[in-house]
Amino acid sequence: MKIRLLICLMIVLSLGATNTNWASAQAQGQTPIHLKVNDHYVLYTYPAPPFVDPKGRLFIPLQAAEDILGGKVTYNAANKTASVDLLGRNVTTTIGSPEISVNGKPVTMDTVPIMKSNAMFLPVSILLKDTDAQMEWDSKRGLLKLRHDSFTESPVLMRFKGQDLAQVIDANAFDLFSFGWDQRQGVLNIHATYKSDLSPAFKQIDFNPMIVYSKGTYSVYPYSKPSMFYKVKITSPGNLVYTMNIDTTNADEDYIKYITSVGRLIK
């Protein structure tokens, strides 16, 4: 059934309110969203979501540097080293060592790559420093925004292009700050704030999560079809939760590798 009720929003959001939402999300057991690549919030990367270390550095799994940022990665399990070619730079790192090599020159980091869930995680900043990629770090929110035209052509984000049929009114209408994923039930909840002057119909709220599976399949629901797979609930003025049913997976055969989402207002 089509919902035509308009959401009237009269409360002005402040930065402090956003920070409160982020802290509240952690307290409620939700997973904070720490990375946005072009217009896509990156919720989940296999085998664990991006996280911020005690030094305030954002870490992603090595494979995500290729799948989401479009680099070329290699990993040597014997000596625990990895090499990433991205935007004209080569970065070589070793698990547990602050010493890295950038285009053959030694550099010392203030943190170290780690192993987590049998995967190497490394700080994003070492891959993009001194490149023409735009990096904007919100220390209070714990969110790193990355922007570069080439990221749209990465193996994950390029899949969204063919499905992106919407007429966008505001590409940044909603600020996604946390998510909860019940893997057994196949339910994904995305929590977001929205702008004070926004008055959309429910059908204009476009999160359009993209789910990418390990066998290469993915799902993005077209904008042109009424969807029974999601619902939107206003939790408080200026805050909402987007709930979506997603396919459950058998970890022995297939599993979810990436979850990304936009936060837009569409016609």
C-alpha atoms as a PDB file:
ATOM      1  CA  MET A   1       0.000   0.000   0.000  1.00  0.00           C
ATOM      2  CA  LYS A   2       1.322   3.391  -0.973  1.00  0.00           C
ATOM      3  CA  ILE A   3       1.861   5.736   1.926  1.00  0.00           C
ATOM      4  CA  ARG A   4       1.210   9.381   1.175  1.00  0.00           C
ATOM      5  CA  LEU A   5       1.569  10.845   4.619  1.00  0.00           C
ATOM      6  CA  LEU A   6       3.992  13.795   4.704  1.00  0.00           C
ATOM      7  CA  ILE A   7       6.609  14.094   7.400  1.00  0.00           C
ATOM      8  CA  CYS A   8       6.627  17.627   8.849  1.00  0.00           C
ATOM      9  CA  LEU A   9       9.969  18.464  10.325  1.00  0.00           C
ATOM     10  CA  MET A  10      10.322  21.653  12.360  1.00  0.00           C
ATOM     11  CA  ILE A  11      13.281  21.008  14.650  1.00  0.00           C
ATOM     12  CA  VAL A  12      16.719  22.305  13.660  1.00  0.00           C
ATOM     13  CA  LEU A  13      19.466  19.712  13.908  1.00  0.00           C
ATOM     14  CA  SER A  14      22.758  20.768  15.386  1.00  0.00           C
ATOM     15  CA  LEU A  15      26.176  19.136  15.335  1.00  0.00           C
ATOM     16  CA  GLY A  16      25.757  18.386  19.001  1.00  0.00           C
ATOM     17  CA  ALA A  17      22.570  16.473  18.273  1.00  0.00           C
ATOM     18  CA  THR A  18      24.364  14.376  15.674  1.00  0.00           C
ATOM     19  CA  ASN A  19      27.121  13.561  18.137  1.00  0.00           C
ATOM     20  CA  THR A  20      24.488  12.587  20.709  1.00  0.00           C
ATOM     21  CA  ASN A  21      22.884  10.236  18.186  1.00  0.00           C
ATOM     22  CA  TRP A  22      26.249   8.627  17.467  1.00  0.00           C
ATOM     23  CA  ALA A  23      27.005   8.102  21.164  1.00  0.00           C
ATOM     24  CA  SER A  24      23.495   6.814  21.779  1.00  0.00           C
ATOM     25  CA  ALA A  25      23.880   4.337  18.922  1.00  0.00           C
ATOM     26  CA  GLN A  26      26.964   2.871  20.569  1.00  0.00           C
ATOM     27  CA  ALA A  27      25.173   2.619  23.900  1.00  0.00           C
ATOM     28  CA  GLN A  28      22.289   0.739  22.250  1.00  0.00           C
ATOM     29  CA  GLY A  29      24.578  -1.791  20.636  1.00  0.00           C
ATOM     30  CA  GLN A  30      24.279  -0.396  17.125  1.00  0.00           C
ATOM     31  CA  THR A  31      27.370  -0.335  14.931  1.00  0.00           C
ATOM     32  CA  PRO A  32      28.547   3.213  14.118  1.00  0.00           C
ATOM     33  CA  ILE A  33      29.117   4.054  10.449  1.00  0.00           C
ATOM     34  CA  HIS A  34      32.662   5.370  10.024  1.00  0.00           C
ATOM     35  CA  LEU A  35      33.192   5.588   6.254  1.00  0.00           C
ATOM     36  CA  LYS A  36      31.541   7.356   3.324  1.00  0.00           C
ATOM     37  CA  VAL A  37      32.961   6.906  -0.189  1.00  0.00           C
ATOM     38  CA  ASN A  38      31.602   9.439  -2.671  1.00  0.00           C
ATOM     39  CA  ASP A  39      27.836   9.253  -2.022  1.00  0.00           C
ATOM     40  CA  HIS A  40      27.905   5.804  -0.400  1.00  0.00           C
ATOM     41  CA  TYR A  41      28.030   5.150   3.291  1.00  0.00           C
ATOM     42  CA  VAL A  42      29.961   1.928   3.868  1.00  0.00           C
ATOM     43  CA  LEU A  43      28.134  -0.008   6.549  1.00  0.00           C
ATOM     44  CA  TYR A  44      29.817  -3.382   6.400  1.00  0.00           C
ATOM     45  CA  THR A  45      33.002  -4.833   4.951  1.00  0.00           C
ATOM     46  CA  TYR A  46      33.781  -8.525   5.343  1.00  0.00           C
ATOM     47  CA  PRO A  47      34.839  -9.837   7.831  1.00  0.00           C
ATOM     48  CA  ALA A  48      34.137  -6.791  10.061  1.00  0.00           C
ATOM     49  CA  PRO A  49      32.928  -3.206   9.601  1.00  0.00           C
ATOM     50  CA  PRO A  50      35.435  -0.334   9.328  1.00  0.00           C
ATOM     51  CA  PHE A  51      36.541   0.776  12.792  1.00  0.00           C
ATOM     52  CA  VAL A  52      38.508   3.557  14.466  1.00  0.00           C
ATOM     53  CA  ASP A  53      41.566   2.517  16.495  1.00  0.00           C
ATOM     54  CA  PRO A  54      42.721   4.176  19.752  1.00  0.00           C
ATOM     55  CA  LYS A  55      44.914   6.523  17.699  1.00  0.00           C
ATOM     56  CA  GLY A  56      41.866   7.825  15.859  1.00  0.00           C
ATOM     57  CA  ARG A  57      42.777   6.111  12.582  1.00  0.00           C
ATOM     58  CA  LEU A  58      40.094   4.503  10.437  1.00  0.00           C
ATOM     59  CA  PHE A  59      40.851   0.891   9.516  1.00  0.00           C
ATOM     60  CA  ILE A  60      39.420  -1.159   6.648  1.00  0.00           C
ATOM     61  CA  PRO A  61      40.140  -4.743   5.566  1.00  0.00           C
ATOM     62  CA  LEU A  62      42.845  -5.045   2.927  1.00  0.00           C
ATOM     63  CA  GLN A  63      40.473  -6.430   0.289  1.00  0.00           C
ATOM     64  CA  ALA A  64      38.200  -3.391   0.636  1.00  0.00           C
ATOM     65  CA  ALA A  65      41.034  -1.213  -0.677  1.00  0.00           C
ATOM     66  CA  GLU A  66      40.513  -2.997  -3.978  1.00  0.00           C
ATOM     67  CA  ASP A  67      36.786  -3.657  -3.933  1.00  0.00           C
ATOM     68  CA  ILE A  68      35.611  -0.232  -2.743  1.00  0.00           C
ATOM     69  CA  LEU A  69      38.506   2.122  -3.569  1.00  0.00           C
ATOM     70  CA  GLY A  70      39.570   0.461  -6.805  1.00  0.00           C
ATOM     71  CA  GLY A  71      43.182  -0.332  -5.885  1.00  0.00           C
ATOM     72  CA  LYS A  72      45.158  -3.474  -6.605  1.00  0.00           C
ATOM     73  CA  VAL A  73      46.146  -5.503  -3.560  1.00  0.00           C
ATOM     74  CA  THR A  74      48.418  -8.470  -2.914  1.00  0.00           C
ATOM     75  CA  TYR A  75      49.035 -10.254   0.365  1.00  0.00           C
ATOM     76  CA  ASN A  76      51.939 -12.500   1.340  1.00  0.00           C
ATOM     77  CA  ALA A  77      50.753 -14.744   4.163  1.00  0.00           C
ATOM     78  CA  ALA A  78      54.235 -16.118   4.820  1.00  0.00           C
ATOM     79  CA  ASN A  79      55.772 -12.790   5.837  1.00  0.00           C
ATOM     80  CA  LYS A  80      52.478 -11.030   6.667  1.00  0.00           C
ATOM     81  CA  THR A  81      53.041  -8.188   4.204  1.00  0.00           C
ATOM     82  CA  ALA A  82      50.629  -6.503   1.827  1.00  0.00           C
ATOM     83  CA  SER A  83      51.076  -4.253  -1.172  1.00  0.00           C
ATOM     84  CA  VAL A  84      48.447  -1.784  -2.393  1.00  0.00           C
ATOM     85  CA  ASP A  85      48.623   0.131  -5.685  1.00  0.00           C
ATOM     86  CA  LEU A  86      46.132   3.003  -5.635  1.00  0.00           C
ATOM     87  CA  LEU A  87      45.990   6.398  -7.384  1.00  0.00           C
ATOM     88  CA  GLY A  88      49.575   6.216  -8.598  1.00  0.00           C
ATOM     89  CA  ARG A  89      51.087   5.167  -5.257  1.00  0.00           C
ATOM     90  CA  ASN A  90      52.395   1.854  -4.005  1.00  0.00           C
ATOM     91  CA  VAL A  91      52.139   1.212  -0.285  1.00  0.00           C
ATOM     92  CA  THR A  92      53.709  -1.852   1.329  1.00  0.00           C
ATOM     93  CA  THR A  93      52.806  -2.720   4.913  1.00  0.00           C
ATOM     94  CA  THR A  94      53.507  -5.451   7.464  1.00  0.00           C
ATOM     95  CA  ILE A  95      51.152  -6.645  10.175  1.00  0.00           C
ATOM     96  CA  GLY A  96      52.180  -5.268  13.559  1.00  0.00           C
ATOM     97  CA  SER A  97      54.791  -2.850  12.182  1.00  0.00           C
ATOM     98  CA  PRO A  98      54.579   0.967  11.957  1.00  0.00           C
ATOM     99  CA  GLU A  99      57.209   0.915   9.213  1.00  0.00           C
ATOM    100  CA  ILE A 100      55.775   1.076   5.698  1.00  0.00           C
ATOM    101  CA  SER A 101      57.107   1.758   2.220  1.00  0.00           C
ATOM    102  CA  VAL A 102      55.544   4.395  -0.066  1.00  0.00           C
ATOM    103  CA  ASN A 103      56.805   4.192  -3.638  1.00  0.00           C
ATOM    104  CA  GLY A 104      59.931   2.516  -2.272  1.00  0.00           C
ATOM    105  CA  LYS A 105      60.638   5.148   0.400  1.00  0.00           C
ATOM    106  CA  PRO A 106      60.417   4.280   4.133  1.00  0.00           C
ATOM    107  CA  VAL A 107      57.699   5.967   6.197  1.00  0.00           C
ATOM    108  CA  THR A 108      56.784   5.508   9.868  1.00  0.00           C
ATOM    109  CA  MET A 109      53.109   5.475  10.901  1.00  0.00           C
ATOM    110  CA  ASP A 110      51.688   6.255  14.336  1.00  0.00           C
ATOM    111  CA  THR A 111      49.694   3.006  14.279  1.00  0.00           C
ATOM    112  CA  VAL A 112      50.101  -0.515  12.884  1.00  0.00           C
ATOM    113  CA  PRO A 113      48.157  -2.854  10.571  1.00  0.00           C
ATOM    114  CA  ILE A 114      46.489  -5.696  12.462  1.00  0.00           C
ATOM    115  CA  MET A 115      44.917  -9.084  11.928  1.00  0.00           C
ATOM    116  CA  LYS A 116      41.211  -9.251  12.735  1.00  0.00           C
ATOM    117  CA  SER A 117      38.941 -12.201  11.977  1.00  0.00           C
ATOM    118  CA  ASN A 118      41.713 -13.710   9.844  1.00  0.00           C
ATOM    119  CA  ALA A 119      41.993 -10.627   7.653  1.00  0.00           C
ATOM    120  CA  MET A 120      44.520  -7.807   7.513  1.00  0.00           C
ATOM    121  CA  PHE A 121      43.160  -4.382   8.464  1.00  0.00           C
ATOM    122  CA  LEU A 122      45.084  -1.210   7.684  1.00  0.00           C
ATOM    123  CA  PRO A 123      44.519   2.557   8.053  1.00  0.00           C
ATOM    124  CA  VAL A 124      42.892   4.204   5.042  1.00  0.00           C
ATOM    125  CA  SER A 125      44.925   7.387   5.402  1.00  0.00           C
ATOM    126  CA  ILE A 126      48.217   5.731   4.440  1.00  0.00           C
ATOM    127  CA  LEU A 127      46.691   4.684   1.114  1.00  0.00           C
ATOM    128  CA  LEU A 128      45.407   8.134   0.126  1.00  0.00           C
ATOM    129  CA  LYS A 129      47.870  10.607   1.658  1.00  0.00           C
ATOM    130  CA  ASP A 130      49.473  12.876  -0.969  1.00  0.00           C
ATOM    131  CA  THR A 131      46.984  11.815  -3.655  1.00  0.00           C
ATOM    132  CA  ASP A 132      44.287  13.929  -5.317  1.00  0.00           C
ATOM    133  CA  ALA A 133      41.551  12.126  -3.389  1.00  0.00           C
ATOM    134  CA  GLN A 134      39.590  14.355  -1.018  1.00  0.00           C
ATOM    135  CA  MET A 135      39.624  13.265   2.624  1.00  0.00           C
ATOM    136  CA  GLU A 136      37.446  14.896   5.275  1.00  0.00           C
ATOM    137  CA  TRP A 137      37.685  13.554   8.830  1.00  0.00           C
ATOM    138  CA  ASP A 138      35.015  14.345  11.404  1.00  0.00           C
ATOM    139  CA  SER A 139      36.726  13.468  14.688  1.00  0.00           C
ATOM    140  CA  LYS A 140      33.626  14.040  16.829  1.00  0.00           C
ATOM    141  CA  ARG A 141      31.477  11.853  14.636  1.00  0.00           C
ATOM    142  CA  GLY A 142      34.241   9.384  13.787  1.00  0.00           C
ATOM    143  CA  LEU A 143      33.372   9.590  10.094  1.00  0.00           C
ATOM    144  CA  LEU A 144      35.838   9.727   7.208  1.00  0.00           C
ATOM    145  CA  LYS A 145      34.474  11.061   3.920  1.00  0.00           C
ATOM    146  CA  LEU A 146      36.426  10.121   0.795  1.00  0.00           C
ATOM    147  CA  ARG A 147      35.820  11.450  -2.678  1.00  0.00           C
ATOM    148  CA  HIS A 148      37.446  10.672  -6.015  1.00  0.00           C
ATOM    149  CA  ASP A 149      35.935  10.025  -9.447  1.00  0.00           C
ATOM    150  CA  SER A 150      37.748   6.693  -9.723  1.00  0.00           C
ATOM    151  CA  PHE A 151      36.060   5.274  -6.630  1.00  0.00           C
ATOM    152  CA  THR A 152      32.772   5.137  -8.541  1.00  0.00           C
ATOM    153  CA  GLU A 153      34.451   2.667 -10.909  1.00  0.00           C
ATOM    154  CA  SER A 154      35.546   0.325  -8.122  1.00  0.00           C
ATOM    155  CA  PRO A 155      34.236  -3.274  -8.299  1.00  0.00           C
ATOM    156  CA  VAL A 156      31.566  -2.654  -5.653  1.00  0.00           C
ATOM    157  CA  LEU A 157      30.355   0.874  -6.377  1.00  0.00           C
ATOM    158  CA  MET A 158      30.263   0.456 -10.148  1.00  0.00           C
ATOM    159  CA  ARG A 159      27.442  -2.071  -9.695  1.00  0.00           C
ATOM    160  CA  PHE A 160      25.242   0.689  -8.345  1.00  0.00           C
ATOM    161  CA  LYS A 161      25.536   2.830 -11.482  1.00  0.00           C
ATOM    162  CA  GLY A 162      23.268   0.737 -13.670  1.00  0.00           C
ATOM    163  CA  GLN A 163      20.598   0.649 -10.971  1.00  0.00           C
ATOM    164  CA  ASP A 164      20.722   4.373 -10.198  1.00  0.00           C
ATOM    165  CA  LEU A 165      17.579   5.456 -12.021  1.00  0.00           C
ATOM    166  CA  ALA A 166      16.318   8.035  -9.549  1.00  0.00           C
ATOM    167  CA  GLN A 167      15.922  11.763 -10.045  1.00  0.00           C
ATOM    168  CA  VAL A 168      17.769  13.119  -7.030  1.00  0.00           C
ATOM    169  CA  ILE A 169      16.519  16.218  -5.229  1.00  0.00           C
ATOM    170  CA  ASP A 170      19.148  16.184  -2.466  1.00  0.00           C
ATOM    171  CA  ALA A 171      22.051  13.729  -2.452  1.00  0.00           C
ATOM    172  CA  ASN A 172      22.855  14.463   1.200  1.00  0.00           C
ATOM    173  CA  ALA A 173      19.404  14.797   2.744  1.00  0.00           C
ATOM    174  CA  PHE A 174      19.995  12.025   5.291  1.00  0.00           C
ATOM    175  CA  ASP A 175      23.037  11.483   7.468  1.00  0.00           C
ATOM    176  CA  LEU A 176      23.456   7.771   8.218  1.00  0.00           C
ATOM    177  CA  PHE A 177      25.148   7.256  11.569  1.00  0.00           C
ATOM    178  CA  SER A 178      24.654   3.615  12.612  1.00  0.00           C
ATOM    179  CA  PHE A 179      23.185   0.272  11.652  1.00  0.00           C
ATOM    180  CA  GLY A 180      22.006  -2.957  13.216  1.00  0.00           C
ATOM    181  CA  TRP A 181      22.073  -6.231  11.312  1.00  0.00           C
ATOM    182  CA  ASP A 182      20.278  -9.337  12.513  1.00  0.00           C
ATOM    183  CA  GLN A 183      21.925 -11.946  10.330  1.00  0.00           C
ATOM    184  CA  ARG A 184      19.709 -14.808  11.479  1.00  0.00           C
ATOM    185  CA  GLN A 185      16.483 -12.947  10.746  1.00  0.00           C
ATOM    186  CA  GLY A 186      17.815 -11.173   7.663  1.00  0.00           C
ATOM    187  CA  VAL A 187      16.835  -7.715   8.927  1.00  0.00           C
ATOM    188  CA  LEU A 188      18.914  -4.583   8.411  1.00  0.00           C
ATOM    189  CA  ASN A 189      18.135  -1.397  10.354  1.00  0.00           C
ATOM    190  CA  ILE A 190      19.814   1.852   9.280  1.00  0.00           C
ATOM    191  CA  HIS A 191      19.588   4.849  11.612  1.00  0.00           C
ATOM    192  CA  ALA A 192      19.847   8.389  10.257  1.00  0.00           C
ATOM    193  CA  THR A 193      19.191  12.045  10.932  1.00  0.00           C
ATOM    194  CA  TYR A 194      17.689  14.443   8.432  1.00  0.00           C
ATOM    195  CA  LYS A 195      17.670  18.141   7.682  1.00  0.00           C
ATOM    196  CA  SER A 196      15.403  20.534   9.532  1.00  0.00           C
ATOM    197  CA  ASP A 197      13.745  21.935   6.409  1.00  0.00           C
ATOM    198  CA  LEU A 198      12.946  18.553   4.882  1.00  0.00           C
ATOM    199  CA  SER A 199       9.322  17.567   4.189  1.00  0.00           C
ATOM    200  CA  PRO A 200       9.421  14.407   2.063  1.00  0.00           C
ATOM    201  CA  ALA A 201       6.826  11.741   1.442  1.00  0.00           C
ATOM    202  CA  PHE A 202       7.914   8.306   2.611  1.00  0.00           C
ATOM    203  CA  LYS A 203       8.373   7.172  -0.963  1.00  0.00           C
ATOM    204  CA  GLN A 204      10.954   9.926  -1.479  1.00  0.00           C
ATOM    205  CA  ILE A 205      13.278   8.620   1.229  1.00  0.00           C
ATOM    206  CA  ASP A 206      16.012   6.841  -0.703  1.00  0.00           C
ATOM    207  CA  PHE A 207      18.546   4.743   1.183  1.00  0.00           C
ATOM    208  CA  ASN A 208      18.624   1.967  -1.412  1.00  0.00           C
ATOM    209  CA  PRO A 209      21.112  -0.337   0.375  1.00  0.00           C
ATOM    210  CA  MET A 210      23.300  -2.421  -1.895  1.00  0.00           C
ATOM    211  CA  ILE A 211      24.160  -5.910  -0.660  1.00  0.00           C
ATOM    212  CA  VAL A 212      27.160  -7.622  -2.286  1.00  0.00           C
ATOM    213  CA  TYR A 213      27.678 -11.350  -1.759  1.00  0.00           C
ATOM    214  CA  SER A 214      30.879 -13.394  -1.811  1.00  0.00           C
ATOM    215  CA  LYS A 215      29.965 -15.232  -5.024  1.00  0.00           C
ATOM    216  CA  GLY A 216      29.665 -11.944  -6.885  1.00  0.00           C
ATOM    217  CA  THR A 217      25.899 -11.572  -6.804  1.00  0.00           C
ATOM    218  CA  TYR A 218      24.355  -8.405  -5.428  1.00  0.00           C
ATOM    219  CA  SER A 219      20.986  -6.830  -4.820  1.00  0.00           C
ATOM    220  CA  VAL A 220      19.758  -3.288  -5.338  1.00  0.00           C
ATOM    221  CA  TYR A 221      16.027  -2.649  -5.452  1.00  0.00           C
ATOM    222  CA  PRO A 222      15.049  -0.405  -8.395  1.00  0.00           C
ATOM    223  CA  TYR A 223      13.468   2.929  -7.563  1.00  0.00           C
ATOM    224  CA  SER A 224      10.763   2.495 -10.176  1.00  0.00           C
ATOM    225  CA  LYS A 225       9.041  -0.387  -8.359  1.00  0.00           C
ATOM    226  CA  PRO A 226       6.982  -0.047  -5.166  1.00  0.00           C
ATOM    227  CA  SER A 227       8.879  -2.031  -2.535  1.00  0.00           C
ATOM    228  CA  MET A 228       7.526  -4.335   0.131  1.00  0.00           C
ATOM    229  CA  PHE A 229      11.043  -4.995   1.357  1.00  0.00           C
ATOM    230  CA  TYR A 230      11.548  -1.881   3.481  1.00  0.00           C
ATOM    231  CA  LYS A 231       9.798   0.499   5.826  1.00  0.00           C
ATOM    232  CA  VAL A 232      10.651   3.852   7.368  1.00  0.00           C
ATOM    233  CA  LYS A 233       9.840   4.871  10.924  1.00  0.00           C
ATOM    234  CA  ILE A 234      10.348   8.271  12.523  1.00  0.00           C
ATOM    235  CA  THR A 235      11.862   7.529  15.940  1.00  0.00           C
ATOM    236  CA  SER A 236      11.989  11.165  17.096  1.00  0.00           C
ATOM    237  CA  PRO A 237      11.983  14.575  15.412  1.00  0.00           C
ATOM    238  CA  GLY A 238      14.935  14.639  13.051  1.00  0.00           C
ATOM    239  CA  ASN A 239      15.644  10.915  13.395  1.00  0.00           C
ATOM    240  CA  LEU A 240      14.460   7.860  11.518  1.00  0.00           C
ATOM    241  CA  VAL A 241      15.184   4.189  11.078  1.00  0.00           C
ATOM    242  CA  TYR A 242      15.076   2.468   7.696  1.00  0.00           C
ATOM    243  CA  THR A 243      14.308  -1.261   7.998  1.00  0.00           C
ATOM    244  CA  MET A 244      14.989  -3.644   5.156  1.00  0.00           C
ATOM    245  CA  ASN A 245      14.663  -7.402   4.765  1.00  0.00           C
ATOM    246  CA  ILE A 246      17.707  -8.948   3.139  1.00  0.00           C
ATOM    247  CA  ASP A 247      18.483 -12.492   2.083  1.00  0.00           C
ATOM    248  CA  THR A 248      19.973 -14.678   4.783  1.00  0.00           C
ATOM    249  CA  THR A 249      23.104 -16.511   3.737  1.00  0.00           C
ATOM    250  CA  ASN A 250      24.861 -19.790   4.365  1.00  0.00           C
ATOM    251  CA  ALA A 251      28.372 -18.918   5.522  1.00  0.00           C
ATOM    252  CA  ASP A 252      29.699 -22.209   4.159  1.00  0.00           C
ATOM    253  CA  GLU A 253      28.469 -21.423   0.648  1.00  0.00           C
ATOM    254  CA  ASP A 254      27.908 -17.693   0.323  1.00  0.00           C
ATOM    255  CA  TYR A 255      28.036 -14.698   2.628  1.00  0.00           C
ATOM    256  CA  ILE A 256      27.623 -10.936   2.570  1.00  0.00           C
ATOM    257  CA  LYS A 257      30.854  -9.101   1.752  1.00  0.00           C
ATOM    258  CA  TYR A 258      29.701  -5.482   1.605  1.00  0.00           C
ATOM    259  CA  ILE A 259      26.733  -3.350   2.553  1.00  0.00           C
ATOM    260  CA  THR A 260      26.602   0.240   1.307  1.00  0.00           C
ATOM    261  CA  SER A 261      23.832   2.807   1.306  1.00  0.00           C
ATOM    262  CA  VAL A 262      23.051   6.259  -0.005  1.00  0.00           C
ATOM    263  CA  GLY A 263      20.938   8.742   1.964  1.00  0.00           C
ATOM    264  CA  ARG A 264      19.050  10.807  -0.570  1.00  0.00           C
ATOM    265  CA  LEU A 265      15.789  12.551  -1.290  1.00  0.00           C
ATOM    266  CA  ILE A 266      14.335  11.642  -4.684  1.00  0.00           C
ATOM    267  CA  LYS A 267      11.356  12.734  -6.779  1.00  0.00           C
END
